[in-house]
C-alpha atoms as a PDB file:
ATOM      1  CA  MET A   1      -5.717 -58.718  90.805  1.00  0.00           C
ATOM      2  CA  SER A   2      -5.578 -61.762  88.506  1.00  0.00           C
ATOM      3  CA  VAL A   3      -5.392 -61.375  84.759  1.00  0.00           C
ATOM      4  CA  ASN A   4      -7.296 -63.671  82.407  1.00  0.00           C
ATOM      5  CA  PRO A   5      -4.598 -65.557  80.447  1.00  0.00           C
ATOM      6  CA  GLN A   6      -6.768 -65.694  77.300  1.00  0.00           C
ATOM      7  CA  ARG A   7      -7.372 -61.941  77.423  1.00  0.00           C
ATOM      8  CA  ARG A   8      -3.660 -61.291  77.971  1.00  0.00           C
ATOM      9  CA  ASN A   9      -2.762 -63.460  74.942  1.00  0.00           C
ATOM     10  CA  LEU A  10      -5.341 -61.656  72.808  1.00  0.00           C
ATOM     11  CA  VAL A  11      -3.963 -58.241  73.781  1.00  0.00           C
ATOM     12  CA  MET A  12      -0.403 -59.379  73.117  1.00  0.00           C
ATOM     13  CA  GLY A  13      -1.439 -60.793  69.747  1.00  0.00           C
ATOM     14  CA  ILE A  14      -3.075 -57.532  68.699  1.00  0.00           C
ATOM     15  CA  ALA A  15      -0.022 -55.590  69.853  1.00  0.00           C
ATOM     16  CA  GLY A  16       2.183 -57.887  67.826  1.00  0.00           C
ATOM     17  CA  LEU A  17       0.097 -57.295  64.707  1.00  0.00           C
ATOM     18  CA  LEU A  18       0.262 -53.541  65.236  1.00  0.00           C
ATOM     19  CA  LEU A  19       4.037 -53.700  65.571  1.00  0.00           C
ATOM     20  CA  ALA A  20       4.407 -55.958  62.537  1.00  0.00           C
ATOM     21  CA  GLY A  21       2.016 -53.903  60.410  1.00  0.00           C
ATOM     22  CA  PRO A  22       4.337 -51.003  59.542  1.00  0.00           C
ATOM     23  CA  ALA A  23       7.190 -53.375  58.725  1.00  0.00           C
ATOM     24  CA  ALA A  24       4.964 -55.427  56.435  1.00  0.00           C
ATOM     25  CA  ALA A  25       3.638 -52.265  54.809  1.00  0.00           C
ATOM     26  CA  ARG A  26       7.183 -51.247  53.875  1.00  0.00           C
ATOM     27  CA  LEU A  27       7.608 -54.244  51.565  1.00  0.00           C
ATOM     28  CA  LEU A  28       7.899 -53.192  47.939  1.00  0.00           C
ATOM     29  CA  GLN A  29       5.949 -54.772  45.112  1.00  0.00           C
ATOM     30  CA  PRO A  30       8.181 -56.728  42.730  1.00  0.00           C
ATOM     31  CA  THR A  31       8.576 -55.299  39.244  1.00  0.00           C
ATOM     32  CA  PRO A  32       6.234 -57.156  36.830  1.00  0.00           C
ATOM     33  CA  ARG A  33       7.858 -59.763  34.623  1.00  0.00           C
ATOM     34  CA  GLN A  34       7.501 -59.469  30.858  1.00  0.00           C
ATOM     35  CA  THR A  35       8.561 -61.477  27.850  1.00  0.00           C
ATOM     36  CA  ALA A  36      12.109 -61.224  26.531  1.00  0.00           C
ATOM     37  CA  GLY A  37      10.640 -61.178  23.017  1.00  0.00           C
ATOM     38  CA  PRO A  38      12.109 -62.800  19.907  1.00  0.00           C
ATOM     39  CA  PHE A  39      15.097 -60.480  19.468  1.00  0.00           C
ATOM     40  CA  TYR A  40      17.399 -61.257  22.380  1.00  0.00           C
ATOM     41  CA  PRO A  41      20.833 -61.529  20.713  1.00  0.00           C
ATOM     42  CA  LEU A  42      21.729 -64.971  19.439  1.00  0.00           C
ATOM     43  CA  GLN A  43      25.296 -64.000  20.262  1.00  0.00           C
ATOM     44  CA  PRO A  44      26.155 -60.858  22.266  1.00  0.00           C
ATOM     45  CA  PRO A  45      28.247 -58.375  20.309  1.00  0.00           C
ATOM     46  CA  LEU A  46      31.967 -58.169  21.038  1.00  0.00           C
ATOM     47  CA  ASP A  47      31.330 -54.657  22.339  1.00  0.00           C
ATOM     48  CA  ASP A  48      28.601 -55.186  24.940  1.00  0.00           C
ATOM     49  CA  ASP A  49      29.451 -52.455  27.441  1.00  0.00           C
ATOM     50  CA  ASN A  50      26.964 -49.968  28.908  1.00  0.00           C
ATOM     51  CA  ASP A  51      27.397 -47.335  26.152  1.00  0.00           C
ATOM     52  CA  LEU A  52      25.099 -48.349  23.298  1.00  0.00           C
ATOM     53  CA  ILE A  53      25.461 -45.195  21.212  1.00  0.00           C
ATOM     54  CA  GLN A  54      29.054 -45.757  20.137  1.00  0.00           C
ATOM     55  CA  ILE A  55      30.673 -49.002  19.069  1.00  0.00           C
ATOM     56  CA  ARG A  56      34.315 -49.644  19.844  1.00  0.00           C
ATOM     57  CA  GLY A  57      36.421 -49.133  16.727  1.00  0.00           C
ATOM     58  CA  ARG A  58      33.854 -46.944  14.948  1.00  0.00           C
ATOM     59  CA  SER A  59      33.878 -43.147  14.856  1.00  0.00           C
ATOM     60  CA  GLY A  60      30.141 -42.660  14.287  1.00  0.00           C
ATOM     61  CA  VAL A  61      27.448 -42.091  16.900  1.00  0.00           C
ATOM     62  CA  ALA A  62      24.013 -43.726  16.939  1.00  0.00           C
ATOM     63  CA  GLN A  63      20.985 -41.907  15.591  1.00  0.00           C
ATOM     64  CA  GLY A  64      18.240 -41.022  18.052  1.00  0.00           C
ATOM     65  CA  ARG A  65      17.819 -39.037  21.244  1.00  0.00           C
ATOM     66  CA  ILE A  66      20.741 -39.961  23.469  1.00  0.00           C
ATOM     67  CA  THR A  67      19.526 -40.984  26.914  1.00  0.00           C
ATOM     68  CA  ASP A  68      21.247 -41.504  30.249  1.00  0.00           C
ATOM     69  CA  LEU A  69      19.341 -44.474  31.712  1.00  0.00           C
ATOM     70  CA  SER A  70      20.046 -45.400  35.317  1.00  0.00           C
ATOM     71  CA  GLY A  71      18.444 -46.926  38.371  1.00  0.00           C
ATOM     72  CA  ARG A  72      18.888 -49.389  41.189  1.00  0.00           C
ATOM     73  CA  VAL A  73      18.153 -53.058  41.744  1.00  0.00           C
ATOM     74  CA  LEU A  74      16.414 -53.593  45.094  1.00  0.00           C
ATOM     75  CA  ASP A  75      14.937 -56.472  47.040  1.00  0.00           C
ATOM     76  CA  VAL A  76      11.378 -56.254  48.370  1.00  0.00           C
ATOM     77  CA  ASN A  77      12.686 -54.754  51.626  1.00  0.00           C
ATOM     78  CA  GLY A  78      14.082 -51.827  49.665  1.00  0.00           C
ATOM     79  CA  ARG A  79      17.690 -52.935  50.151  1.00  0.00           C
ATOM     80  CA  PRO A  80      20.055 -52.549  47.171  1.00  0.00           C
ATOM     81  CA  VAL A  81      21.524 -55.655  45.573  1.00  0.00           C
ATOM     82  CA  ARG A  82      25.099 -55.457  44.321  1.00  0.00           C
ATOM     83  CA  ASN A  83      27.134 -57.365  41.741  1.00  0.00           C
ATOM     84  CA  LEU A  84      24.189 -58.272  39.527  1.00  0.00           C
ATOM     85  CA  ARG A  85      24.455 -58.236  35.743  1.00  0.00           C
ATOM     86  CA  VAL A  86      21.826 -55.991  34.134  1.00  0.00           C
ATOM     87  CA  GLU A  87      21.293 -56.246  30.373  1.00  0.00           C
ATOM     88  CA  ILE A  88      19.267 -54.088  28.011  1.00  0.00           C
ATOM     89  CA  TRP A  89      18.466 -54.503  24.325  1.00  0.00           C
ATOM     90  CA  GLN A  90      16.261 -52.467  22.006  1.00  0.00           C
ATOM     91  CA  CYS A  91      15.699 -51.506  18.402  1.00  0.00           C
ATOM     92  CA  ASP A  92      17.653 -48.687  16.795  1.00  0.00           C
ATOM     93  CA  ALA A  93      16.234 -45.321  15.737  1.00  0.00           C
ATOM     94  CA  ASN A  94      14.984 -46.945  12.507  1.00  0.00           C
ATOM     95  CA  GLY A  95      12.938 -49.470  14.484  1.00  0.00           C
ATOM     96  CA  ARG A  96      15.221 -52.418  13.736  1.00  0.00           C
ATOM     97  CA  TYR A  97      16.861 -54.846  16.140  1.00  0.00           C
ATOM     98  CA  HIS A  98      20.391 -56.092  15.528  1.00  0.00           C
ATOM     99  CA  HIS A  99      19.073 -59.599  15.027  1.00  0.00           C
ATOM    100  CA  PRO A 100      18.972 -61.785  11.901  1.00  0.00           C
ATOM    101  CA  ARG A 101      15.218 -62.342  12.224  1.00  0.00           C
ATOM    102  CA  ASP A 102      14.463 -58.608  12.073  1.00  0.00           C
ATOM    103  CA  ARG A 103      14.642 -57.484   8.454  1.00  0.00           C
ATOM    104  CA  GLY A 104      13.214 -54.965   6.042  1.00  0.00           C
ATOM    105  CA  ARG A 105      14.414 -51.688   7.553  1.00  0.00           C
ATOM    106  CA  ALA A 106      17.807 -50.021   7.288  1.00  0.00           C
ATOM    107  CA  MET A 107      20.079 -50.775  10.250  1.00  0.00           C
ATOM    108  CA  ASP A 108      21.919 -48.094  12.185  1.00  0.00           C
ATOM    109  CA  GLU A 109      25.398 -49.580  12.142  1.00  0.00           C
ATOM    110  CA  ASN A 110      26.524 -47.177  14.881  1.00  0.00           C
ATOM    111  CA  PHE A 111      23.993 -48.433  17.432  1.00  0.00           C
ATOM    112  CA  GLN A 112      25.187 -51.263  19.649  1.00  0.00           C
ATOM    113  CA  GLY A 113      21.653 -52.555  20.265  1.00  0.00           C
ATOM    114  CA  PHE A 114      22.615 -54.517  23.392  1.00  0.00           C
ATOM    115  CA  GLY A 115      24.669 -53.763  26.485  1.00  0.00           C
ATOM    116  CA  HIS A 116      25.303 -54.724  30.057  1.00  0.00           C
ATOM    117  CA  SER A 117      26.123 -53.098  33.377  1.00  0.00           C
ATOM    118  CA  VAL A 118      26.905 -54.520  36.837  1.00  0.00           C
ATOM    119  CA  THR A 119      25.256 -53.086  39.930  1.00  0.00           C
ATOM    120  CA  ASP A 120      27.644 -51.298  42.258  1.00  0.00           C
ATOM    121  CA  GLY A 121      27.864 -51.408  46.056  1.00  0.00           C
ATOM    122  CA  ILE A 122      24.548 -49.578  46.448  1.00  0.00           C
ATOM    123  CA  GLY A 123      22.694 -51.414  43.696  1.00  0.00           C
ATOM    124  CA  ARG A 124      23.101 -48.847  40.924  1.00  0.00           C
ATOM    125  CA  TYR A 125      23.369 -49.538  37.190  1.00  0.00           C
ATOM    126  CA  ARG A 126      23.733 -47.112  34.284  1.00  0.00           C
ATOM    127  CA  PHE A 127      23.517 -47.079  30.480  1.00  0.00           C
ATOM    128  CA  ARG A 128      23.908 -44.569  27.707  1.00  0.00           C
ATOM    129  CA  THR A 129      21.418 -45.448  24.997  1.00  0.00           C
ATOM    130  CA  ILE A 130      18.640 -43.813  22.959  1.00  0.00           C
ATOM    131  CA  ARG A 131      15.062 -43.027  23.810  1.00  0.00           C
ATOM    132  CA  PRO A 132      13.127 -46.071  22.557  1.00  0.00           C
ATOM    133  CA  VAL A 133      11.134 -45.692  19.352  1.00  0.00           C
ATOM    134  CA  PRO A 134       8.065 -47.530  18.069  1.00  0.00           C
ATOM    135  CA  TYR A 135       8.051 -50.122  15.328  1.00  0.00           C
ATOM    136  CA  PRO A 136       5.070 -51.853  13.661  1.00  0.00           C
ATOM    137  CA  GLY A 137       2.910 -53.448  16.350  1.00  0.00           C
ATOM    138  CA  ARG A 138       4.791 -52.166  19.395  1.00  0.00           C
ATOM    139  CA  THR A 139       4.982 -49.055  21.519  1.00  0.00           C
ATOM    140  CA  PRO A 140       8.472 -47.717  22.379  1.00  0.00           C
ATOM    141  CA  HIS A 141      10.175 -49.961  24.923  1.00  0.00           C
ATOM    142  CA  ILE A 142      13.521 -51.245  26.198  1.00  0.00           C
ATOM    143  CA  HIS A 143      14.009 -54.871  27.200  1.00  0.00           C
ATOM    144  CA  VAL A 144      15.698 -55.383  30.577  1.00  0.00           C
ATOM    145  CA  ALA A 145      17.120 -58.546  32.135  1.00  0.00           C
ATOM    146  CA  VAL A 146      18.718 -59.045  35.551  1.00  0.00           C
ATOM    147  CA  PHE A 147      20.856 -62.074  36.372  1.00  0.00           C
ATOM    148  CA  ALA A 148      21.018 -63.170  40.006  1.00  0.00           C
ATOM    149  CA  PRO A 149      22.781 -66.271  41.380  1.00  0.00           C
ATOM    150  CA  ASP A 150      20.793 -69.511  41.586  1.00  0.00           C
ATOM    151  CA  THR A 151      17.677 -68.056  39.937  1.00  0.00           C
ATOM    152  CA  ALA A 152      16.345 -67.793  36.405  1.00  0.00           C
ATOM    153  CA  PRO A 153      17.018 -64.426  34.739  1.00  0.00           C
ATOM    154  CA  PHE A 154      14.402 -61.785  35.505  1.00  0.00           C
ATOM    155  CA  THR A 155      13.112 -60.031  32.381  1.00  0.00           C
ATOM    156  CA  THR A 156      10.808 -57.071  31.938  1.00  0.00           C
ATOM    157  CA  GLN A 157      10.226 -54.167  29.568  1.00  0.00           C
ATOM    158  CA  LEU A 158      10.611 -50.459  30.254  1.00  0.00           C
ATOM    159  CA  TYR A 159       8.082 -48.059  28.689  1.00  0.00           C
ATOM    160  CA  VAL A 160       7.906 -44.302  28.231  1.00  0.00           C
ATOM    161  CA  ARG A 161       5.473 -42.639  30.626  1.00  0.00           C
ATOM    162  CA  GLY A 162       2.851 -40.629  28.754  1.00  0.00           C
ATOM    163  CA  GLU A 163       3.439 -42.378  25.411  1.00  0.00           C
ATOM    164  CA  PRO A 164       0.007 -42.575  23.672  1.00  0.00           C
ATOM    165  CA  ARG A 165       0.859 -45.886  21.968  1.00  0.00           C
ATOM    166  CA  ASN A 166       1.056 -47.637  25.342  1.00  0.00           C
ATOM    167  CA  ALA A 167      -2.737 -47.830  25.501  1.00  0.00           C
ATOM    168  CA  GLU A 168      -2.846 -50.075  22.411  1.00  0.00           C
ATOM    169  CA  ASP A 169       0.209 -52.217  23.127  1.00  0.00           C
ATOM    170  CA  PHE A 170      -0.774 -55.834  23.758  1.00  0.00           C
ATOM    171  CA  ILE A 171       2.261 -56.630  25.931  1.00  0.00           C
ATOM    172  CA  PHE A 172       2.054 -53.464  28.018  1.00  0.00           C
ATOM    173  CA  ASN A 173      -1.632 -54.213  28.608  1.00  0.00           C
ATOM    174  CA  ARG A 174      -0.774 -57.583  30.135  1.00  0.00           C
ATOM    175  CA  VAL A 175       0.536 -55.711  33.185  1.00  0.00           C
ATOM    176  CA  PRO A 176      -2.211 -55.232  35.805  1.00  0.00           C
ATOM    177  CA  VAL A 177      -3.420 -51.627  35.820  1.00  0.00           C
ATOM    178  CA  ASP A 178      -2.345 -51.043  39.415  1.00  0.00           C
ATOM    179  CA  ARG A 179       1.234 -52.145  38.603  1.00  0.00           C
ATOM    180  CA  ARG A 180       1.805 -50.424  35.275  1.00  0.00           C
ATOM    181  CA  HIS A 181       3.547 -47.504  36.954  1.00  0.00           C
ATOM    182  CA  MET A 182       6.326 -49.970  37.829  1.00  0.00           C
ATOM    183  CA  VAL A 183       7.324 -50.449  34.172  1.00  0.00           C
ATOM    184  CA  LEU A 184       7.123 -46.754  33.215  1.00  0.00           C
ATOM    185  CA  ALA A 185       9.835 -44.112  33.304  1.00  0.00           C
ATOM    186  CA  ASP A 186       9.911 -40.389  32.588  1.00  0.00           C
ATOM    187  CA  PHE A 187      12.321 -39.378  29.826  1.00  0.00           C
ATOM    188  CA  VAL A 188      13.222 -35.810  30.764  1.00  0.00           C
ATOM    189  CA  PRO A 189      15.942 -33.321  29.748  1.00  0.00           C
ATOM    190  CA  ALA A 190      19.319 -34.465  31.078  1.00  0.00           C
ATOM    191  CA  ALA A 191      21.257 -32.420  33.598  1.00  0.00           C
ATOM    192  CA  ASN A 192      24.598 -33.208  31.943  1.00  0.00           C
ATOM    193  CA  ASP A 193      26.131 -32.807  28.482  1.00  0.00           C
ATOM    194  CA  ALA A 194      26.576 -36.538  27.923  1.00  0.00           C
ATOM    195  CA  ALA A 195      22.946 -37.022  26.872  1.00  0.00           C
ATOM    196  CA  GLU A 196      19.862 -35.167  25.716  1.00  0.00           C
ATOM    197  CA  LEU A 197      17.491 -37.056  28.023  1.00  0.00           C
ATOM    198  CA  SER A 198      17.676 -38.964  31.282  1.00  0.00           C
ATOM    199  CA  ALA A 199      15.463 -41.681  32.723  1.00  0.00           C
ATOM    200  CA  LYS A 200      15.369 -43.445  36.094  1.00  0.00           C
ATOM    201  CA  PHE A 201      14.118 -47.019  36.422  1.00  0.00           C
ATOM    202  CA  ASP A 202      14.392 -49.020  39.657  1.00  0.00           C
ATOM    203  CA  ILE A 203      13.906 -52.777  39.533  1.00  0.00           C
ATOM    204  CA  VAL A 204      12.504 -54.674  42.529  1.00  0.00           C
ATOM    205  CA  LEU A 205      13.242 -58.394  42.691  1.00  0.00           C
ATOM    206  CA  ALA A 206      11.456 -60.940  44.855  1.00  0.00           C
ATOM    207  CA  GLY A 207      13.200 -63.953  46.357  1.00  0.00           C
ATOM    208  CA  ILE A 208      16.627 -62.421  46.576  1.00  0.00           C
ATOM    209  CA  GLY A 209      18.632 -61.031  49.489  1.00  0.00           C
ATOM    210  CA  GLY A 210      19.615 -57.399  49.528  1.00  0.00           C
ATOM    211  CA  THR A 211      22.805 -55.719  50.574  1.00  0.00           C
ATOM    212  CA  PRO A 212      22.324 -52.713  52.860  1.00  0.00           C
ATOM    213  CA  SER A 213      23.994 -49.557  51.653  1.00  0.00           C
ATOM    214  CA  ALA A 214      27.114 -48.527  53.521  1.00  0.00           C
END
């Protein structure tokens, strides 16, 4: 019995789409970009490690609710990306950034304000910081930047899930409604004694190759 070549090609094409469908559906949405804002450090502090609540050479500890912030950097295929520099910066518990343009409120001299981490072999980063606080005109947030080779730095902002001020924040509201969950994190009681709270925040980058976990 002969088979119509056009019909055979149509059937094979449909089968190919069905096979490709699940793979395509597994692609992750990239994390929305957001502005770095006006308070990125003009010069990073000498102590710019991943522990923002204690500054090297000082005995004091930052004010605020100490938070263990961690997550992974992934590509759109869900593969972790290693050896990337992740930076965060945020205001202190008084609502002030460690930046010369931010004035008028007392500064917490024990808060580092800025730090960096490098993703490990399975894409993980980690910081010890404080739960973000509001300041005039903005809901609580943490600025995040990721530096990948041969691309411009990726910047976004991390917000507290369930924070009522989010609804009125002009920058948060620039994120499409169906993608806002991607810039939100739950700040929940920590399971260790190193912090009061913990938060998980994964970052998905487009246009970058991932490294499969071992």
